[in-house]
Amino acid sequence: MAFWGADTDQLKTLSTKLQQGSAEIEKQKSALTSALQSTDWKGPDADKFRSDWESQHAAQLTKIAQALDEAGRQASRNAQQQEEASHR
């Protein structure tokens, strides 16, 4: 008989790691944003860099963090569904 499904403990671990990765990206984004804001740098290059950081780079990091968080939530839901199906 073939095994279909997942090891729920491994899925839960994966879920936790994905959500931790999301939190770490947000933490690093915040630290980098703070560092950029506190850097004494003036002029058009500084303005462009800060604008690019906010509109592109930080925004992309936010999207990645959100995607990891959602993937973690999905892995958790899949583990729960697997456990429910196994107990039927």
PDB file of N, CA and C in Angstrom:
ATOM      1  N   MET A   1       0.839  -1.177   0.000  1.00  0.00           N
ATOM      2  CA  MET A   1       0.000   0.000   0.000  1.00  0.00           C
ATOM      3  C   MET A   1       0.888   1.245   0.000  1.00  0.00           C
ATOM      4  N   ALA A   2       0.577   2.184  -0.858  1.00  0.00           N
ATOM      5  CA  ALA A   2       1.349   3.426  -0.967  1.00  0.00           C
ATOM      6  C   ALA A   2       0.933   4.413   0.118  1.00  0.00           C
ATOM      7  N   PHE A   3       1.886   5.173   0.568  1.00  0.00           N
ATOM      8  CA  PHE A   3       1.632   6.202   1.576  1.00  0.00           C
ATOM      9  C   PHE A   3       1.369   7.520   0.876  1.00  0.00           C
ATOM     10  N   TRP A   4       0.232   8.135   1.190  1.00  0.00           N
ATOM     11  CA  TRP A   4      -0.089   9.458   0.673  1.00  0.00           C
ATOM     12  C   TRP A   4      -0.269  10.379   1.868  1.00  0.00           C
ATOM     13  N   GLY A   5       0.292  11.524   1.789  1.00  0.00           N
ATOM     14  CA  GLY A   5       0.143  12.469   2.882  1.00  0.00           C
ATOM     15  C   GLY A   5       1.486  13.035   3.274  1.00  0.00           C
ATOM     16  N   ALA A   6       1.551  13.423   4.532  1.00  0.00           N
ATOM     17  CA  ALA A   6       2.768  14.074   5.004  1.00  0.00           C
ATOM     18  C   ALA A   6       3.022  13.724   6.455  1.00  0.00           C
ATOM     19  N   ASP A   7       4.257  13.868   6.848  1.00  0.00           N
ATOM     20  CA  ASP A   7       4.632  13.763   8.250  1.00  0.00           C
ATOM     21  C   ASP A   7       4.237  15.099   8.871  1.00  0.00           C
ATOM     22  N   THR A   8       3.220  15.094   9.710  1.00  0.00           N
ATOM     23  CA  THR A   8       2.691  16.350  10.236  1.00  0.00           C
ATOM     24  C   THR A   8       3.696  17.083  11.120  1.00  0.00           C
ATOM     25  N   ASP A   9       4.538  16.360  11.824  1.00  0.00           N
ATOM     26  CA  ASP A   9       5.557  17.030  12.637  1.00  0.00           C
ATOM     27  C   ASP A   9       6.532  17.803  11.748  1.00  0.00           C
ATOM     28  N   GLN A  10       6.888  17.204  10.618  1.00  0.00           N
ATOM     29  CA  GLN A  10       7.788  17.894   9.694  1.00  0.00           C
ATOM     30  C   GLN A  10       7.105  19.107   9.069  1.00  0.00           C
ATOM     31  N   LEU A  11       5.824  18.971   8.761  1.00  0.00           N
ATOM     32  CA  LEU A  11       5.094  20.117   8.210  1.00  0.00           C
ATOM     33  C   LEU A  11       5.009  21.258   9.218  1.00  0.00           C
ATOM     34  N   LYS A  12       4.792  20.911  10.474  1.00  0.00           N
ATOM     35  CA  LYS A  12       4.732  21.938  11.518  1.00  0.00           C
ATOM     36  C   LYS A  12       6.087  22.620  11.679  1.00  0.00           C
ATOM     37  N   THR A  13       7.161  21.840  11.598  1.00  0.00           N
ATOM     38  CA  THR A  13       8.504  22.413  11.684  1.00  0.00           C
ATOM     39  C   THR A  13       8.749  23.342  10.503  1.00  0.00           C
ATOM     40  N   LEU A  14       8.355  22.905   9.314  1.00  0.00           N
ATOM     41  CA  LEU A  14       8.489  23.736   8.123  1.00  0.00           C
ATOM     42  C   LEU A  14       7.704  25.030   8.288  1.00  0.00           C
ATOM     43  N   SER A  15       6.493  24.921   8.784  1.00  0.00           N
ATOM     44  CA  SER A  15       5.657  26.096   9.013  1.00  0.00           C
ATOM     45  C   SER A  15       6.358  27.094   9.922  1.00  0.00           C
ATOM     46  N   THR A  16       6.892  26.603  11.016  1.00  0.00           N
ATOM     47  CA  THR A  16       7.594  27.461  11.971  1.00  0.00           C
ATOM     48  C   THR A  16       8.800  28.130  11.318  1.00  0.00           C
ATOM     49  N   LYS A  17       9.571  27.371  10.565  1.00  0.00           N
ATOM     50  CA  LYS A  17      10.770  27.921   9.927  1.00  0.00           C
ATOM     51  C   LYS A  17      10.408  28.978   8.887  1.00  0.00           C
ATOM     52  N   LEU A  18       9.354  28.750   8.132  1.00  0.00           N
ATOM     53  CA  LEU A  18       8.919  29.738   7.143  1.00  0.00           C
ATOM     54  C   LEU A  18       8.488  31.037   7.824  1.00  0.00           C
ATOM     55  N   GLN A  19       7.734  30.907   8.899  1.00  0.00           N
ATOM     56  CA  GLN A  19       7.272  32.101   9.592  1.00  0.00           C
ATOM     57  C   GLN A  19       8.414  32.811  10.313  1.00  0.00           C
ATOM     58  N   GLN A  20       9.373  32.062  10.819  1.00  0.00           N
ATOM     59  CA  GLN A  20      10.560  32.676  11.411  1.00  0.00           C
ATOM     60  C   GLN A  20      11.370  33.415  10.350  1.00  0.00           C
ATOM     61  N   GLY A  21      11.464  32.828   9.168  1.00  0.00           N
ATOM     62  CA  GLY A  21      12.159  33.490   8.062  1.00  0.00           C
ATOM     63  C   GLY A  21      11.482  34.793   7.686  1.00  0.00           C
ATOM     64  N   SER A  22      10.166  34.779   7.667  1.00  0.00           N
ATOM     65  CA  SER A  22       9.401  35.984   7.390  1.00  0.00           C
ATOM     66  C   SER A  22       9.708  37.068   8.418  1.00  0.00           C
ATOM     67  N   ALA A  23       9.673  36.698   9.684  1.00  0.00           N
ATOM     68  CA  ALA A  23       9.945  37.653  10.760  1.00  0.00           C
ATOM     69  C   ALA A  23      11.375  38.192  10.666  1.00  0.00           C
ATOM     70  N   GLU A  24      12.316  37.326  10.315  1.00  0.00           N
ATOM     71  CA  GLU A  24      13.718  37.756  10.198  1.00  0.00           C
ATOM     72  C   GLU A  24      13.885  38.753   9.056  1.00  0.00           C
ATOM     73  N   ILE A  25      13.215  38.522   7.948  1.00  0.00           N
ATOM     74  CA  ILE A  25      13.295  39.464   6.821  1.00  0.00           C
ATOM     75  C   ILE A  25      12.736  40.818   7.246  1.00  0.00           C
ATOM     76  N   GLU A  26      11.611  40.817   7.937  1.00  0.00           N
ATOM     77  CA  GLU A  26      11.033  42.076   8.411  1.00  0.00           C
ATOM     78  C   GLU A  26      11.971  42.782   9.383  1.00  0.00           C
ATOM     79  N   LYS A  27      12.601  42.024  10.247  1.00  0.00           N
ATOM     80  CA  LYS A  27      13.543  42.590  11.218  1.00  0.00           C
ATOM     81  C   LYS A  27      14.733  43.231  10.489  1.00  0.00           C
ATOM     82  N   GLN A  28      15.286  42.519   9.519  1.00  0.00           N
ATOM     83  CA  GLN A  28      16.422  43.041   8.768  1.00  0.00           C
ATOM     84  C   GLN A  28      16.023  44.263   7.944  1.00  0.00           C
ATOM     85  N   LYS A  29      14.849  44.226   7.340  1.00  0.00           N
ATOM     86  CA  LYS A  29      14.359  45.371   6.571  1.00  0.00           C
ATOM     87  C   LYS A  29      14.268  46.593   7.478  1.00  0.00           C
ATOM     88  N   SER A  30      13.741  46.410   8.662  1.00  0.00           N
ATOM     89  CA  SER A  30      13.618  47.508   9.618  1.00  0.00           C
ATOM     90  C   SER A  30      14.995  48.048  10.022  1.00  0.00           C
ATOM     91  N   ALA A  31      15.932  47.151  10.289  1.00  0.00           N
ATOM     92  CA  ALA A  31      17.282  47.570  10.672  1.00  0.00           C
ATOM     93  C   ALA A  31      17.963  48.331   9.538  1.00  0.00           C
ATOM     94  N   LEU A  32      17.800  47.849   8.317  1.00  0.00           N
ATOM     95  CA  LEU A  32      18.409  48.527   7.170  1.00  0.00           C
ATOM     96  C   LEU A  32      17.768  49.886   6.925  1.00  0.00           C
ATOM     97  N   THR A  33      16.458  49.951   7.077  1.00  0.00           N
ATOM     98  CA  THR A  33      15.764  51.228   6.911  1.00  0.00           C
ATOM     99  C   THR A  33      16.240  52.228   7.961  1.00  0.00           C
ATOM    100  N   SER A  34      16.375  51.781   9.198  1.00  0.00           N
ATOM    101  CA  SER A  34      16.882  52.658  10.261  1.00  0.00           C
ATOM    102  C   SER A  34      18.299  53.132   9.965  1.00  0.00           C
ATOM    103  N   ALA A  35      19.128  52.215   9.494  1.00  0.00           N
ATOM    104  CA  ALA A  35      20.510  52.577   9.166  1.00  0.00           C
ATOM    105  C   ALA A  35      20.541  53.608   8.049  1.00  0.00           C
ATOM    106  N   LEU A  36      19.703  53.425   7.061  1.00  0.00           N
ATOM    107  CA  LEU A  36      19.650  54.369   5.946  1.00  0.00           C
ATOM    108  C   LEU A  36      19.155  55.737   6.413  1.00  0.00           C
ATOM    109  N   GLN A  37      18.138  55.743   7.236  1.00  0.00           N
ATOM    110  CA  GLN A  37      17.595  57.010   7.732  1.00  0.00           C
ATOM    111  C   GLN A  37      18.590  57.759   8.608  1.00  0.00           C
ATOM    112  N   SER A  38      19.426  57.038   9.337  1.00  0.00           N
ATOM    113  CA  SER A  38      20.367  57.694  10.247  1.00  0.00           C
ATOM    114  C   SER A  38      21.712  58.010   9.585  1.00  0.00           C
ATOM    115  N   THR A  39      21.880  57.617   8.336  1.00  0.00           N
ATOM    116  CA  THR A  39      23.116  57.911   7.620  1.00  0.00           C
ATOM    117  C   THR A  39      23.102  59.365   7.159  1.00  0.00           C
ATOM    118  N   ASP A  40      24.153  60.085   7.500  1.00  0.00           N
ATOM    119  CA  ASP A  40      24.287  61.485   7.096  1.00  0.00           C
ATOM    120  C   ASP A  40      24.713  61.514   5.628  1.00  0.00           C
ATOM    121  N   TRP A  41      23.726  61.607   4.772  1.00  0.00           N
ATOM    122  CA  TRP A  41      23.980  61.568   3.325  1.00  0.00           C
ATOM    123  C   TRP A  41      22.961  62.471   2.678  1.00  0.00           C
ATOM    124  N   LYS A  42      23.427  63.479   1.991  1.00  0.00           N
ATOM    125  CA  LYS A  42      22.552  64.461   1.360  1.00  0.00           C
ATOM    126  C   LYS A  42      22.888  64.568  -0.118  1.00  0.00           C
ATOM    127  N   GLY A  43      21.905  65.000  -0.857  1.00  0.00           N
ATOM    128  CA  GLY A  43      22.108  65.223  -2.277  1.00  0.00           C
ATOM    129  C   GLY A  43      21.209  64.351  -3.120  1.00  0.00           C
ATOM    130  N   PRO A  44      21.275  64.561  -4.419  1.00  0.00           N
ATOM    131  CA  PRO A  44      20.393  63.835  -5.330  1.00  0.00           C
ATOM    132  C   PRO A  44      20.599  62.314  -5.309  1.00  0.00           C
ATOM    133  N   ASP A  45      21.839  61.886  -5.162  1.00  0.00           N
ATOM    134  CA  ASP A  45      22.098  60.438  -5.101  1.00  0.00           C
ATOM    135  C   ASP A  45      21.463  59.838  -3.848  1.00  0.00           C
ATOM    136  N   ALA A  46      21.587  60.548  -2.738  1.00  0.00           N
ATOM    137  CA  ALA A  46      20.981  60.074  -1.487  1.00  0.00           C
ATOM    138  C   ALA A  46      19.468  60.026  -1.615  1.00  0.00           C
ATOM    139  N   ASP A  47      18.900  61.067  -2.198  1.00  0.00           N
ATOM    140  CA  ASP A  47      17.441  61.107  -2.366  1.00  0.00           C
ATOM    141  C   ASP A  47      16.959  59.970  -3.254  1.00  0.00           C
ATOM    142  N   LYS A  48      17.686  59.728  -4.346  1.00  0.00           N
ATOM    143  CA  LYS A  48      17.299  58.637  -5.258  1.00  0.00           C
ATOM    144  C   LYS A  48      17.435  57.286  -4.563  1.00  0.00           C
ATOM    145  N   PHE A  49      18.543  57.103  -3.855  1.00  0.00           N
ATOM    146  CA  PHE A  49      18.764  55.833  -3.165  1.00  0.00           C
ATOM    147  C   PHE A  49      17.649  55.575  -2.158  1.00  0.00           C
ATOM    148  N   ARG A  50      17.333  56.580  -1.342  1.00  0.00           N
ATOM    149  CA  ARG A  50      16.272  56.422  -0.340  1.00  0.00           C
ATOM    150  C   ARG A  50      14.921  56.154  -1.003  1.00  0.00           C
ATOM    151  N   SER A  51      14.656  56.853  -2.075  1.00  0.00           N
ATOM    152  CA  SER A  51      13.405  56.629  -2.806  1.00  0.00           C
ATOM    153  C   SER A  51      13.339  55.210  -3.364  1.00  0.00           C
ATOM    154  N   ASP A  52      14.433  54.758  -3.958  1.00  0.00           N
ATOM    155  CA  ASP A  52      14.488  53.396  -4.503  1.00  0.00           C
ATOM    156  C   ASP A  52      14.345  52.365  -3.383  1.00  0.00           C
ATOM    157  N   TRP A  53      14.982  52.639  -2.244  1.00  0.00           N
ATOM    158  CA  TRP A  53      14.886  51.716  -1.115  1.00  0.00           C
ATOM    159  C   TRP A  53      13.425  51.531  -0.710  1.00  0.00           C
ATOM    160  N   GLU A  54      12.744  52.638  -0.496  1.00  0.00           N
ATOM    161  CA  GLU A  54      11.353  52.571  -0.028  1.00  0.00           C
ATOM    162  C   GLU A  54      10.407  51.989  -1.088  1.00  0.00           C
ATOM    163  N   SER A  55      10.532  52.467  -2.308  1.00  0.00           N
ATOM    164  CA  SER A  55       9.560  52.080  -3.334  1.00  0.00           C
ATOM    165  C   SER A  55       9.838  50.712  -3.952  1.00  0.00           C
ATOM    166  N   GLN A  56      11.097  50.303  -3.971  1.00  0.00           N
ATOM    167  CA  GLN A  56      11.422  49.041  -4.630  1.00  0.00           C
ATOM    168  C   GLN A  56      11.951  47.987  -3.657  1.00  0.00           C
ATOM    169  N   HIS A  57      13.085  48.258  -3.057  1.00  0.00           N
ATOM    170  CA  HIS A  57      13.777  47.231  -2.285  1.00  0.00           C
ATOM    171  C   HIS A  57      13.018  46.835  -1.016  1.00  0.00           C
ATOM    172  N   ALA A  58      12.656  47.811  -0.200  1.00  0.00           N
ATOM    173  CA  ALA A  58      11.913  47.504   1.030  1.00  0.00           C
ATOM    174  C   ALA A  58      10.560  46.903   0.687  1.00  0.00           C
ATOM    175  N   ALA A  59       9.943  47.408  -0.373  1.00  0.00           N
ATOM    176  CA  ALA A  59       8.647  46.868  -0.792  1.00  0.00           C
ATOM    177  C   ALA A  59       8.766  45.404  -1.204  1.00  0.00           C
ATOM    178  N   GLN A  60       9.835  45.058  -1.910  1.00  0.00           N
ATOM    179  CA  GLN A  60      10.045  43.663  -2.311  1.00  0.00           C
ATOM    180  C   GLN A  60      10.310  42.777  -1.096  1.00  0.00           C
ATOM    181  N   LEU A  61      11.069  43.284  -0.142  1.00  0.00           N
ATOM    182  CA  LEU A  61      11.313  42.507   1.073  1.00  0.00           C
ATOM    183  C   LEU A  61      10.007  42.247   1.816  1.00  0.00           C
ATOM    184  N   THR A  62       9.140  43.236   1.845  1.00  0.00           N
ATOM    185  CA  THR A  62       7.825  43.059   2.483  1.00  0.00           C
ATOM    186  C   THR A  62       7.028  41.973   1.768  1.00  0.00           C
ATOM    187  N   LYS A  63       7.029  42.000   0.451  1.00  0.00           N
ATOM    188  CA  LYS A  63       6.306  40.980  -0.318  1.00  0.00           C
ATOM    189  C   LYS A  63       6.860  39.584  -0.054  1.00  0.00           C
ATOM    190  N   ILE A  64       8.174  39.471   0.007  1.00  0.00           N
ATOM    191  CA  ILE A  64       8.798  38.175   0.274  1.00  0.00           C
ATOM    192  C   ILE A  64       8.435  37.693   1.671  1.00  0.00           C
ATOM    193  N   ALA A  65       8.491  38.596   2.638  1.00  0.00           N
ATOM    194  CA  ALA A  65       8.135  38.226   4.018  1.00  0.00           C
ATOM    195  C   ALA A  65       6.680  37.776   4.087  1.00  0.00           C
ATOM    196  N   GLN A  66       5.799  38.473   3.398  1.00  0.00           N
ATOM    197  CA  GLN A  66       4.387  38.087   3.381  1.00  0.00           C
ATOM    198  C   GLN A  66       4.190  36.724   2.728  1.00  0.00           C
ATOM    199  N   ALA A  67       4.912  36.473   1.649  1.00  0.00           N
ATOM    200  CA  ALA A  67       4.800  35.186   0.956  1.00  0.00           C
ATOM    201  C   ALA A  67       5.296  34.045   1.849  1.00  0.00           C
ATOM    202  N   LEU A  68       6.394  34.259   2.547  1.00  0.00           N
ATOM    203  CA  LEU A  68       6.902  33.229   3.464  1.00  0.00           C
ATOM    204  C   LEU A  68       5.922  32.984   4.601  1.00  0.00           C
ATOM    205  N   ASP A  69       5.360  34.059   5.141  1.00  0.00           N
ATOM    206  CA  ASP A  69       4.389  33.917   6.225  1.00  0.00           C
ATOM    207  C   ASP A  69       3.181  33.117   5.748  1.00  0.00           C
ATOM    208  N   GLU A  70       2.687  33.440   4.571  1.00  0.00           N
ATOM    209  CA  GLU A  70       1.524  32.711   4.047  1.00  0.00           C
ATOM    210  C   GLU A  70       1.876  31.254   3.762  1.00  0.00           C
ATOM    211  N   ALA A  71       3.062  31.001   3.246  1.00  0.00           N
ATOM    212  CA  ALA A  71       3.488  29.618   3.017  1.00  0.00           C
ATOM    213  C   ALA A  71       3.549  28.856   4.337  1.00  0.00           C
ATOM    214  N   GLY A  72       4.014  29.510   5.378  1.00  0.00           N
ATOM    215  CA  GLY A  72       4.041  28.891   6.701  1.00  0.00           C
ATOM    216  C   GLY A  72       2.654  28.577   7.208  1.00  0.00           C
ATOM    217  N   ARG A  73       1.740  29.503   7.005  1.00  0.00           N
ATOM    218  CA  ARG A  73       0.350  29.274   7.427  1.00  0.00           C
ATOM    219  C   ARG A  73      -0.274  28.113   6.648  1.00  0.00           C
ATOM    220  N   GLN A  74       0.043  28.055   5.348  1.00  0.00           N
ATOM    221  CA  GLN A  74      -0.492  26.964   4.524  1.00  0.00           C
ATOM    222  C   GLN A  74       0.070  25.624   4.976  1.00  0.00           C
ATOM    223  N   ALA A  75       1.354  25.570   5.275  1.00  0.00           N
ATOM    224  CA  ALA A  75       1.947  24.320   5.766  1.00  0.00           C
ATOM    225  C   ALA A  75       1.276  23.897   7.071  1.00  0.00           C
ATOM    226  N   SER A  76       0.988  24.842   7.933  1.00  0.00           N
ATOM    227  CA  SER A  76       0.305  24.546   9.195  1.00  0.00           C
ATOM    228  C   SER A  76      -1.107  24.017   8.937  1.00  0.00           C
ATOM    229  N   ARG A  77      -1.825  24.658   8.013  1.00  0.00           N
ATOM    230  CA  ARG A  77      -3.174  24.174   7.657  1.00  0.00           C
ATOM    231  C   ARG A  77      -3.115  22.772   7.067  1.00  0.00           C
ATOM    232  N   ASN A  78      -2.110  22.525   6.232  1.00  0.00           N
ATOM    233  CA  ASN A  78      -1.965  21.197   5.632  1.00  0.00           C
ATOM    234  C   ASN A  78      -1.686  20.147   6.699  1.00  0.00           C
ATOM    235  N   ALA A  79      -0.875  20.491   7.684  1.00  0.00           N
ATOM    236  CA  ALA A  79      -0.597  19.551   8.778  1.00  0.00           C
ATOM    237  C   ALA A  79      -1.878  19.253   9.550  1.00  0.00           C
ATOM    238  N   GLN A  80      -2.651  20.274   9.826  1.00  0.00           N
ATOM    239  CA  GLN A  80      -3.899  20.088  10.560  1.00  0.00           C
ATOM    240  C   GLN A  80      -4.872  19.221   9.753  1.00  0.00           C
ATOM    241  N   GLN A  81      -4.981  19.489   8.484  1.00  0.00           N
ATOM    242  CA  GLN A  81      -5.868  18.692   7.624  1.00  0.00           C
ATOM    243  C   GLN A  81      -5.399  17.246   7.575  1.00  0.00           C
ATOM    244  N   GLN A  82      -4.085  17.033   7.495  1.00  0.00           N
ATOM    245  CA  GLN A  82      -3.545  15.679   7.461  1.00  0.00           C
ATOM    246  C   GLN A  82      -3.878  14.939   8.756  1.00  0.00           C
ATOM    247  N   GLU A  83      -3.727  15.637   9.881  1.00  0.00           N
ATOM    248  CA  GLU A  83      -4.039  15.004  11.168  1.00  0.00           C
ATOM    249  C   GLU A  83      -5.521  14.661  11.264  1.00  0.00           C
ATOM    250  N   GLU A  84      -6.380  15.548  10.786  1.00  0.00           N
ATOM    251  CA  GLU A  84      -7.810  15.283  10.809  1.00  0.00           C
ATOM    252  C   GLU A  84      -8.170  14.104   9.918  1.00  0.00           C
ATOM    253  N   ALA A  85      -7.550  14.034   8.741  1.00  0.00           N
ATOM    254  CA  ALA A  85      -7.822  12.932   7.824  1.00  0.00           C
ATOM    255  C   ALA A  85      -7.305  11.609   8.375  1.00  0.00           C
ATOM    256  N   SER A  86      -6.217  11.657   9.089  1.00  0.00           N
ATOM    257  CA  SER A  86      -5.634  10.428   9.642  1.00  0.00           C
ATOM    258  C   SER A  86      -6.465   9.858  10.801  1.00  0.00           C
ATOM    259  N   HIS A  87      -7.223  10.714  11.443  1.00  0.00           N
ATOM    260  CA  HIS A  87      -8.011  10.270  12.605  1.00  0.00           C
ATOM    261  C   HIS A  87      -9.420   9.838  12.220  1.00  0.00           C
ATOM    262  N   ARG A  88      -9.715   9.835  10.954  1.00  0.00           N
ATOM    263  CA  ARG A  88     -11.055   9.425  10.490  1.00  0.00           C
ATOM    264  C   ARG A  88     -11.112   7.935  10.299  1.00  0.00           C
TER     265      ARG A  88
END
